[in-house]
Amino acid sequence: VPFLVGIASIAAILAVSVAVYRWTNRKFPNPK
């Protein structure tokens, strides 16, 4: 049980990290 909980926690942390990275490095279109 703690093993699975640990895996789920790590996966959640990675998902949040990826989301933050994508948000901070997103590209906006140049305004006309």
Full PDB file with SEQRES, HELIX, SHEET, SSBOND, CRYST1, ORIGX, SCALE, CONECT and MASTER records, all heavy atoms in Angstrom:
SEQRES   1 A   32  VAL PRO PHE LEU VAL GLY ILE ALA SER ILE ALA ALA ILE          
SEQRES   2 A   32  LEU ALA VAL SER VAL ALA VAL TYR ARG TRP THR ASN ARG          
SEQRES   3 A   32  LYS PHE PRO ASN PRO LYS                                      
HELIX    1 AA1 PRO A    2  THR A   24  1                                  23    
CRYST1    1.000    1.000    1.000  90.00  90.00  90.00 P 1           1          
ORIGX1      1.000000  0.000000  0.000000        0.00000                         
ORIGX2      0.000000  1.000000  0.000000        0.00000                         
ORIGX3      0.000000  0.000000  1.000000        0.00000                         
SCALE1      1.000000  0.000000  0.000000        0.00000                         
SCALE2      0.000000  1.000000  0.000000        0.00000                         
SCALE3      0.000000  0.000000  1.000000        0.00000                         
ATOM      1  N   VAL A   1       0.827  -1.215   0.000  1.00  0.00           N  
ATOM      2  CA  VAL A   1       0.000   0.000   0.000  1.00  0.00           C  
ATOM      3  C   VAL A   1       0.855   1.256   0.000  1.00  0.00           C  
ATOM      4  O   VAL A   1       0.669   2.138  -0.842  1.00  0.00           O  
ATOM      5  CB  VAL A   1      -0.985  -0.015   1.183  1.00  0.00           C  
ATOM      6  CG1 VAL A   1      -1.711   1.316   1.288  1.00  0.00           C  
ATOM      7  CG2 VAL A   1      -1.976  -1.157   1.017  1.00  0.00           C  
ATOM      8  N   PRO A   2       1.803   1.415   0.936  1.00  0.00           N  
ATOM      9  CA  PRO A   2       2.647   2.619   0.895  1.00  0.00           C  
ATOM     10  C   PRO A   2       3.470   2.700  -0.379  1.00  0.00           C  
ATOM     11  O   PRO A   2       3.772   3.789  -0.855  1.00  0.00           O  
ATOM     12  CB  PRO A   2       3.526   2.486   2.142  1.00  0.00           C  
ATOM     13  CG  PRO A   2       3.462   1.072   2.512  1.00  0.00           C  
ATOM     14  CD  PRO A   2       2.107   0.598   2.107  1.00  0.00           C  
ATOM     15  N   PHE A   3       3.835   1.558  -0.948  1.00  0.00           N  
ATOM     16  CA  PHE A   3       4.594   1.565  -2.197  1.00  0.00           C  
ATOM     17  C   PHE A   3       3.767   2.206  -3.309  1.00  0.00           C  
ATOM     18  O   PHE A   3       4.226   3.081  -4.057  1.00  0.00           O  
ATOM     19  CB  PHE A   3       4.991   0.140  -2.587  1.00  0.00           C  
ATOM     20  CG  PHE A   3       5.653   0.049  -3.933  1.00  0.00           C  
ATOM     21  CD1 PHE A   3       6.980   0.413  -4.086  1.00  0.00           C  
ATOM     22  CD2 PHE A   3       4.940  -0.390  -5.038  1.00  0.00           C  
ATOM     23  CE1 PHE A   3       7.587   0.343  -5.330  1.00  0.00           C  
ATOM     24  CE2 PHE A   3       5.548  -0.473  -6.278  1.00  0.00           C  
ATOM     25  CZ  PHE A   3       6.873  -0.098  -6.427  1.00  0.00           C  
ATOM     26  N   LEU A   4       2.488   1.783  -3.423  1.00  0.00           N  
ATOM     27  CA  LEU A   4       1.611   2.328  -4.446  1.00  0.00           C  
ATOM     28  C   LEU A   4       1.302   3.798  -4.184  1.00  0.00           C  
ATOM     29  O   LEU A   4       1.234   4.603  -5.109  1.00  0.00           O  
ATOM     30  CB  LEU A   4       0.307   1.517  -4.497  1.00  0.00           C  
ATOM     31  CG  LEU A   4       0.473   0.057  -4.942  1.00  0.00           C  
ATOM     32  CD1 LEU A   4      -0.868  -0.654  -4.880  1.00  0.00           C  
ATOM     33  CD2 LEU A   4       1.060  -0.020  -6.352  1.00  0.00           C  
ATOM     34  N   VAL A   5       1.099   4.136  -2.916  1.00  0.00           N  
ATOM     35  CA  VAL A   5       0.872   5.529  -2.568  1.00  0.00           C  
ATOM     36  C   VAL A   5       2.073   6.381  -2.960  1.00  0.00           C  
ATOM     37  O   VAL A   5       1.939   7.491  -3.483  1.00  0.00           O  
ATOM     38  CB  VAL A   5       0.579   5.675  -1.062  1.00  0.00           C  
ATOM     39  CG1 VAL A   5       0.557   7.142  -0.654  1.00  0.00           C  
ATOM     40  CG2 VAL A   5      -0.749   5.015  -0.718  1.00  0.00           C  
ATOM     41  N   GLY A   6       3.254   5.857  -2.743  1.00  0.00           N  
ATOM     42  CA  GLY A   6       4.470   6.583  -3.113  1.00  0.00           C  
ATOM     43  C   GLY A   6       4.565   6.790  -4.608  1.00  0.00           C  
ATOM     44  O   GLY A   6       4.915   7.878  -5.077  1.00  0.00           O  
ATOM     45  N   ILE A   7       4.246   5.753  -5.379  1.00  0.00           N  
ATOM     46  CA  ILE A   7       4.285   5.874  -6.829  1.00  0.00           C  
ATOM     47  C   ILE A   7       3.291   6.916  -7.309  1.00  0.00           C  
ATOM     48  O   ILE A   7       3.585   7.750  -8.168  1.00  0.00           O  
ATOM     49  CB  ILE A   7       3.987   4.504  -7.490  1.00  0.00           C  
ATOM     50  CG1 ILE A   7       5.117   3.515  -7.180  1.00  0.00           C  
ATOM     51  CG2 ILE A   7       3.807   4.664  -8.987  1.00  0.00           C  
ATOM     52  CD1 ILE A   7       6.458   3.914  -7.749  1.00  0.00           C  
ATOM     53  N   ALA A   8       2.083   6.885  -6.761  1.00  0.00           N  
ATOM     54  CA  ALA A   8       1.058   7.854  -7.149  1.00  0.00           C  
ATOM     55  C   ALA A   8       1.485   9.273  -6.810  1.00  0.00           C  
ATOM     56  O   ALA A   8       1.250  10.219  -7.576  1.00  0.00           O  
ATOM     57  CB  ALA A   8      -0.262   7.514  -6.462  1.00  0.00           C  
ATOM     58  N   SER A   9       2.125   9.453  -5.671  1.00  0.00           N  
ATOM     59  CA  SER A   9       2.584  10.773  -5.257  1.00  0.00           C  
ATOM     60  C   SER A   9       3.646  11.298  -6.214  1.00  0.00           C  
ATOM     61  O   SER A   9       3.634  12.473  -6.598  1.00  0.00           O  
ATOM     62  CB  SER A   9       3.132  10.721  -3.835  1.00  0.00           C  
ATOM     63  OG  SER A   9       2.127  10.299  -2.929  1.00  0.00           O  
ATOM     64  N   ILE A  10       4.575  10.426  -6.583  1.00  0.00           N  
ATOM     65  CA  ILE A  10       5.630  10.827  -7.513  1.00  0.00           C  
ATOM     66  C   ILE A  10       5.031  11.218  -8.854  1.00  0.00           C  
ATOM     67  O   ILE A  10       5.409  12.217  -9.475  1.00  0.00           O  
ATOM     68  CB  ILE A  10       6.651   9.688  -7.684  1.00  0.00           C  
ATOM     69  CG1 ILE A  10       7.407   9.472  -6.367  1.00  0.00           C  
ATOM     70  CG2 ILE A  10       7.631  10.007  -8.812  1.00  0.00           C  
ATOM     71  CD1 ILE A  10       8.309   8.271  -6.383  1.00  0.00           C  
ATOM     72  N   ALA A  11       4.051  10.429  -9.327  1.00  0.00           N  
ATOM     73  CA  ALA A  11       3.407  10.722 -10.613  1.00  0.00           C  
ATOM     74  C   ALA A  11       2.692  12.067 -10.564  1.00  0.00           C  
ATOM     75  O   ALA A  11       2.738  12.850 -11.523  1.00  0.00           O  
ATOM     76  CB  ALA A  11       2.426   9.607 -10.968  1.00  0.00           C  
ATOM     77  N   ALA A  12       2.018  12.340  -9.445  1.00  0.00           N  
ATOM     78  CA  ALA A  12       1.311  13.612  -9.308  1.00  0.00           C  
ATOM     79  C   ALA A  12       2.285  14.781  -9.321  1.00  0.00           C  
ATOM     80  O   ALA A  12       2.033  15.821  -9.949  1.00  0.00           O  
ATOM     81  CB  ALA A  12       0.489  13.616  -8.030  1.00  0.00           C  
ATOM     82  N   ILE A  13       3.412  14.611  -8.629  1.00  0.00           N  
ATOM     83  CA  ILE A  13       4.424  15.674  -8.591  1.00  0.00           C  
ATOM     84  C   ILE A  13       4.978  15.935  -9.988  1.00  0.00           C  
ATOM     85  O   ILE A  13       5.160  17.076 -10.414  1.00  0.00           O  
ATOM     86  CB  ILE A  13       5.543  15.306  -7.612  1.00  0.00           C  
ATOM     87  CG1 ILE A  13       4.999  15.303  -6.171  1.00  0.00           C  
ATOM     88  CG2 ILE A  13       6.719  16.282  -7.726  1.00  0.00           C  
ATOM     89  CD1 ILE A  13       5.976  14.750  -5.162  1.00  0.00           C  
ATOM     90  N   LEU A  14       5.253  14.867 -10.726  1.00  0.00           N  
ATOM     91  CA  LEU A  14       5.774  15.019 -12.089  1.00  0.00           C  
ATOM     92  C   LEU A  14       4.755  15.726 -12.983  1.00  0.00           C  
ATOM     93  O   LEU A  14       5.114  16.577 -13.802  1.00  0.00           O  
ATOM     94  CB  LEU A  14       6.127  13.643 -12.663  1.00  0.00           C  
ATOM     95  CG  LEU A  14       7.360  12.965 -12.063  1.00  0.00           C  
ATOM     96  CD1 LEU A  14       7.528  11.568 -12.648  1.00  0.00           C  
ATOM     97  CD2 LEU A  14       8.615  13.805 -12.333  1.00  0.00           C  
ATOM     98  N   ALA A  15       3.480  15.360 -12.841  1.00  0.00           N  
ATOM     99  CA  ALA A  15       2.445  15.986 -13.664  1.00  0.00           C  
ATOM    100  C   ALA A  15       2.365  17.480 -13.402  1.00  0.00           C  
ATOM    101  O   ALA A  15       2.253  18.298 -14.332  1.00  0.00           O  
ATOM    102  CB  ALA A  15       1.098  15.317 -13.398  1.00  0.00           C  
ATOM    103  N   VAL A  16       2.410  17.859 -12.152  1.00  0.00           N  
ATOM    104  CA  VAL A  16       2.374  19.276 -11.802  1.00  0.00           C  
ATOM    105  C   VAL A  16       3.600  19.998 -12.340  1.00  0.00           C  
ATOM    106  O   VAL A  16       3.519  21.119 -12.857  1.00  0.00           O  
ATOM    107  CB  VAL A  16       2.265  19.440 -10.269  1.00  0.00           C  
ATOM    108  CG1 VAL A  16       2.437  20.907  -9.867  1.00  0.00           C  
ATOM    109  CG2 VAL A  16       0.931  18.909  -9.771  1.00  0.00           C  
ATOM    110  N   SER A  17       4.748  19.353 -12.230  1.00  0.00           N  
ATOM    111  CA  SER A  17       5.984  19.969 -12.709  1.00  0.00           C  
ATOM    112  C   SER A  17       5.921  20.214 -14.210  1.00  0.00           C  
ATOM    113  O   SER A  17       6.335  21.267 -14.705  1.00  0.00           O  
ATOM    114  CB  SER A  17       7.174  19.069 -12.362  1.00  0.00           C  
ATOM    115  OG  SER A  17       7.293  18.902 -10.977  1.00  0.00           O  
ATOM    116  N   VAL A  18       5.422  19.238 -14.955  1.00  0.00           N  
ATOM    117  CA  VAL A  18       5.303  19.386 -16.413  1.00  0.00           C  
ATOM    118  C   VAL A  18       4.348  20.516 -16.758  1.00  0.00           C  
ATOM    119  O   VAL A  18       4.600  21.330 -17.656  1.00  0.00           O  
ATOM    120  CB  VAL A  18       4.839  18.052 -17.049  1.00  0.00           C  
ATOM    121  CG1 VAL A  18       4.472  18.257 -18.509  1.00  0.00           C  
ATOM    122  CG2 VAL A  18       5.923  17.016 -16.918  1.00  0.00           C  
ATOM    123  N   ALA A  19       3.226  20.584 -16.014  1.00  0.00           N  
ATOM    124  CA  ALA A  19       2.244  21.639 -16.279  1.00  0.00           C  
ATOM    125  C   ALA A  19       2.846  23.012 -16.029  1.00  0.00           C  
ATOM    126  O   ALA A  19       2.634  23.956 -16.802  1.00  0.00           O  
ATOM    127  CB  ALA A  19       1.010  21.422 -15.413  1.00  0.00           C  
ATOM    128  N   VAL A  20       3.589  23.149 -14.938  1.00  0.00           N  
ATOM    129  CA  VAL A  20       4.220  24.431 -14.623  1.00  0.00           C  
ATOM    130  C   VAL A  20       5.235  24.799 -15.682  1.00  0.00           C  
ATOM    131  O   VAL A  20       5.330  25.955 -16.126  1.00  0.00           O  
ATOM    132  CB  VAL A  20       4.880  24.382 -13.229  1.00  0.00           C  
ATOM    133  CG1 VAL A  20       5.734  25.620 -12.986  1.00  0.00           C  
ATOM    134  CG2 VAL A  20       3.812  24.252 -12.161  1.00  0.00           C  
ATOM    135  N   TYR A  21       5.997  23.815 -16.126  1.00  0.00           N  
ATOM    136  CA  TYR A  21       7.016  24.068 -17.147  1.00  0.00           C  
ATOM    137  C   TYR A  21       6.361  24.553 -18.440  1.00  0.00           C  
ATOM    138  O   TYR A  21       6.810  25.517 -19.069  1.00  0.00           O  
ATOM    139  CB  TYR A  21       7.823  22.793 -17.411  1.00  0.00           C  
ATOM    140  CG  TYR A  21       8.832  22.936 -18.532  1.00  0.00           C  
ATOM    141  CD1 TYR A  21      10.076  23.529 -18.316  1.00  0.00           C  
ATOM    142  CD2 TYR A  21       8.517  22.505 -19.817  1.00  0.00           C  
ATOM    143  CE1 TYR A  21      10.980  23.678 -19.354  1.00  0.00           C  
ATOM    144  CE2 TYR A  21       9.429  22.634 -20.857  1.00  0.00           C  
ATOM    145  CZ  TYR A  21      10.662  23.230 -20.630  1.00  0.00           C  
ATOM    146  OH  TYR A  21      11.565  23.370 -21.649  1.00  0.00           O  
ATOM    147  N   ARG A  22       5.307  23.873 -18.839  1.00  0.00           N  
ATOM    148  CA  ARG A  22       4.629  24.258 -20.079  1.00  0.00           C  
ATOM    149  C   ARG A  22       4.025  25.658 -19.977  1.00  0.00           C  
ATOM    150  O   ARG A  22       4.013  26.429 -20.935  1.00  0.00           O  
ATOM    151  CB  ARG A  22       3.544  23.241 -20.407  1.00  0.00           C  
ATOM    152  CG  ARG A  22       4.114  21.905 -20.885  1.00  0.00           C  
ATOM    153  CD  ARG A  22       2.992  20.914 -21.137  1.00  0.00           C  
ATOM    154  NE  ARG A  22       3.537  19.666 -21.690  1.00  0.00           N  
ATOM    155  CZ  ARG A  22       2.801  18.582 -21.931  1.00  0.00           C  
ATOM    156  NH1 ARG A  22       1.483  18.601 -21.658  1.00  0.00           N  
ATOM    157  NH2 ARG A  22       3.360  17.494 -22.429  1.00  0.00           N  
ATOM    158  N   TRP A  23       3.484  25.959 -18.807  1.00  0.00           N  
ATOM    159  CA  TRP A  23       2.881  27.275 -18.627  1.00  0.00           C  
ATOM    160  C   TRP A  23       3.911  28.389 -18.687  1.00  0.00           C  
ATOM    161  O   TRP A  23       3.719  29.416 -19.324  1.00  0.00           O  
ATOM    162  CB  TRP A  23       2.138  27.314 -17.302  1.00  0.00           C  
ATOM    163  CG  TRP A  23       1.622  28.685 -16.945  1.00  0.00           C  
ATOM    164  CD1 TRP A  23       2.165  29.583 -16.097  1.00  0.00           C  
ATOM    165  CD2 TRP A  23       0.450  29.298 -17.491  1.00  0.00           C  
ATOM    166  NE1 TRP A  23       1.415  30.717 -16.044  1.00  0.00           N  
ATOM    167  CE2 TRP A  23       0.359  30.582 -16.898  1.00  0.00           C  
ATOM    168  CE3 TRP A  23      -0.519  28.897 -18.418  1.00  0.00           C  
ATOM    169  CZ2 TRP A  23      -0.677  31.459 -17.216  1.00  0.00           C  
ATOM    170  CZ3 TRP A  23      -1.543  29.770 -18.722  1.00  0.00           C  
ATOM    171  CH2 TRP A  23      -1.615  31.036 -18.126  1.00  0.00           C  
ATOM    172  N   THR A  24       5.047  28.188 -18.032  1.00  0.00           N  
ATOM    173  CA  THR A  24       6.089  29.228 -17.992  1.00  0.00           C  
ATOM    174  C   THR A  24       6.832  29.346 -19.311  1.00  0.00           C  
ATOM    175  O   THR A  24       7.475  30.351 -19.582  1.00  0.00           O  
ATOM    176  CB  THR A  24       7.089  28.940 -16.858  1.00  0.00           C  
ATOM    177  OG1 THR A  24       7.632  27.627 -17.040  1.00  0.00           O  
ATOM    178  CG2 THR A  24       6.417  29.013 -15.491  1.00  0.00           C  
ATOM    179  N   ASN A  25       6.773  28.337 -20.129  1.00  0.00           N  
ATOM    180  CA  ASN A  25       7.518  28.366 -21.399  1.00  0.00           C  
ATOM    181  C   ASN A  25       6.570  28.392 -22.608  1.00  0.00           C  
ATOM    182  O   ASN A  25       6.969  28.056 -23.728  1.00  0.00           O  
ATOM    183  CB  ASN A  25       8.435  27.147 -21.496  1.00  0.00           C  
ATOM    184  CG  ASN A  25       9.589  27.197 -20.517  1.00  0.00           C  
ATOM    185  OD1 ASN A  25      10.615  27.819 -20.765  1.00  0.00           O  
ATOM    186  ND2 ASN A  25       9.395  26.529 -19.363  1.00  0.00           N  
ATOM    187  N   ARG A  26       5.327  28.765 -22.405  1.00  0.00           N  
ATOM    188  CA  ARG A  26       4.388  28.778 -23.509  1.00  0.00           C  
ATOM    189  C   ARG A  26       4.731  29.904 -24.476  1.00  0.00           C  
ATOM    190  O   ARG A  26       5.323  30.914 -24.093  1.00  0.00           O  
ATOM    191  CB  ARG A  26       2.973  28.948 -22.968  1.00  0.00           C  
ATOM    192  CG  ARG A  26       2.678  30.309 -22.361  1.00  0.00           C  
ATOM    193  CD  ARG A  26       1.347  30.273 -21.608  1.00  0.00           C  
ATOM    194  NE  ARG A  26       0.954  31.590 -21.116  1.00  0.00           N  
ATOM    195  CZ  ARG A  26       1.489  32.174 -20.067  1.00  0.00           C  
ATOM    196  NH1 ARG A  26       2.450  31.564 -19.387  1.00  0.00           N  
ATOM    197  NH2 ARG A  26       1.068  33.377 -19.674  1.00  0.00           N  
ATOM    198  N   LYS A  27       4.366  29.782 -25.736  1.00  0.00           N  
ATOM    199  CA  LYS A  27       4.619  30.781 -26.753  1.00  0.00           C  
ATOM    200  C   LYS A  27       3.304  31.470 -27.145  1.00  0.00           C  
ATOM    201  O   LYS A  27       2.308  30.809 -27.444  1.00  0.00           O  
ATOM    202  CB  LYS A  27       5.237  30.119 -27.981  1.00  0.00           C  
ATOM    203  CG  LYS A  27       6.620  29.550 -27.725  1.00  0.00           C  
ATOM    204  CD  LYS A  27       7.187  28.946 -28.990  1.00  0.00           C  
ATOM    205  CE  LYS A  27       8.590  28.392 -28.734  1.00  0.00           C  
ATOM    206  NZ  LYS A  27       9.187  27.794 -29.952  1.00  0.00           N  
ATOM    207  N   PHE A  28       3.357  32.787 -27.115  1.00  0.00           N  
ATOM    208  CA  PHE A  28       2.198  33.542 -27.481  1.00  0.00           C  
ATOM    209  C   PHE A  28       2.349  34.053 -28.926  1.00  0.00           C  
ATOM    210  O   PHE A  28       3.448  34.430 -29.337  1.00  0.00           O  
ATOM    211  CB  PHE A  28       2.020  34.759 -26.550  1.00  0.00           C  
ATOM    212  CG  PHE A  28       1.717  34.348 -25.130  1.00  0.00           C  
ATOM    213  CD1 PHE A  28       2.743  34.278 -24.188  1.00  0.00           C  
ATOM    214  CD2 PHE A  28       0.424  34.047 -24.748  1.00  0.00           C  
ATOM    215  CE1 PHE A  28       2.456  33.929 -22.886  1.00  0.00           C  
ATOM    216  CE2 PHE A  28       0.151  33.693 -23.449  1.00  0.00           C  
ATOM    217  CZ  PHE A  28       1.166  33.606 -22.516  1.00  0.00           C  
ATOM    218  N   PRO A  29       1.294  34.111 -29.719  1.00  0.00           N  
ATOM    219  CA  PRO A  29       1.392  34.651 -31.085  1.00  0.00           C  
ATOM    220  C   PRO A  29       1.666  36.160 -31.073  1.00  0.00           C  
ATOM    221  O   PRO A  29       1.242  36.867 -30.160  1.00  0.00           O  
ATOM    222  CB  PRO A  29       0.012  34.328 -31.679  1.00  0.00           C  
ATOM    223  CG  PRO A  29      -0.896  34.234 -30.510  1.00  0.00           C  
ATOM    224  CD  PRO A  29      -0.056  33.666 -29.394  1.00  0.00           C  
ATOM    225  N   ASN A  30       2.442  36.598 -32.047  1.00  0.00           N  
ATOM    226  CA  ASN A  30       2.761  38.019 -32.124  1.00  0.00           C  
ATOM    227  C   ASN A  30       1.503  38.817 -32.464  1.00  0.00           C  
ATOM    228  O   ASN A  30       0.740  38.470 -33.375  1.00  0.00           O  
ATOM    229  CB  ASN A  30       3.802  38.272 -33.209  1.00  0.00           C  
ATOM    230  CG  ASN A  30       5.128  37.675 -32.818  1.00  0.00           C  
ATOM    231  OD1 ASN A  30       5.473  37.665 -31.653  1.00  0.00           O  
ATOM    232  ND2 ASN A  30       5.878  37.195 -33.814  1.00  0.00           N  
ATOM    233  N   PRO A  31       1.248  39.880 -31.746  1.00  0.00           N  
ATOM    234  CA  PRO A  31       0.058  40.688 -32.016  1.00  0.00           C  
ATOM    235  C   PRO A  31       0.207  41.424 -33.359  1.00  0.00           C  
ATOM    236  O   PRO A  31       1.288  41.835 -33.757  1.00  0.00           O  
ATOM    237  CB  PRO A  31      -0.005  41.645 -30.849  1.00  0.00           C  
ATOM    238  CG  PRO A  31       1.411  41.759 -30.382  1.00  0.00           C  
ATOM    239  CD  PRO A  31       2.020  40.418 -30.628  1.00  0.00           C  
ATOM    240  N   LYS A  32      -0.864  41.551 -34.125  1.00  0.00           N  
ATOM    241  CA  LYS A  32      -0.852  42.283 -35.393  1.00  0.00           C  
ATOM    242  C   LYS A  32      -1.033  43.768 -35.139  1.00  0.00           C  
ATOM    243  O   LYS A  32      -1.928  44.177 -34.408  1.00  0.00           O  
ATOM    244  CB  LYS A  32      -1.976  41.761 -36.281  1.00  0.00           C  
ATOM    245  CG  LYS A  32      -1.774  40.327 -36.730  1.00  0.00           C  
ATOM    246  CD  LYS A  32      -2.896  39.880 -37.630  1.00  0.00           C  
ATOM    247  CE  LYS A  32      -2.708  38.421 -38.062  1.00  0.00           C  
ATOM    248  NZ  LYS A  32      -3.796  37.974 -38.964  1.00  0.00           N  
TER     249      LYS A  32                                                      
MASTER        0    0    0    1    0    0    0    6  248    1    0    3          
END                                                                             
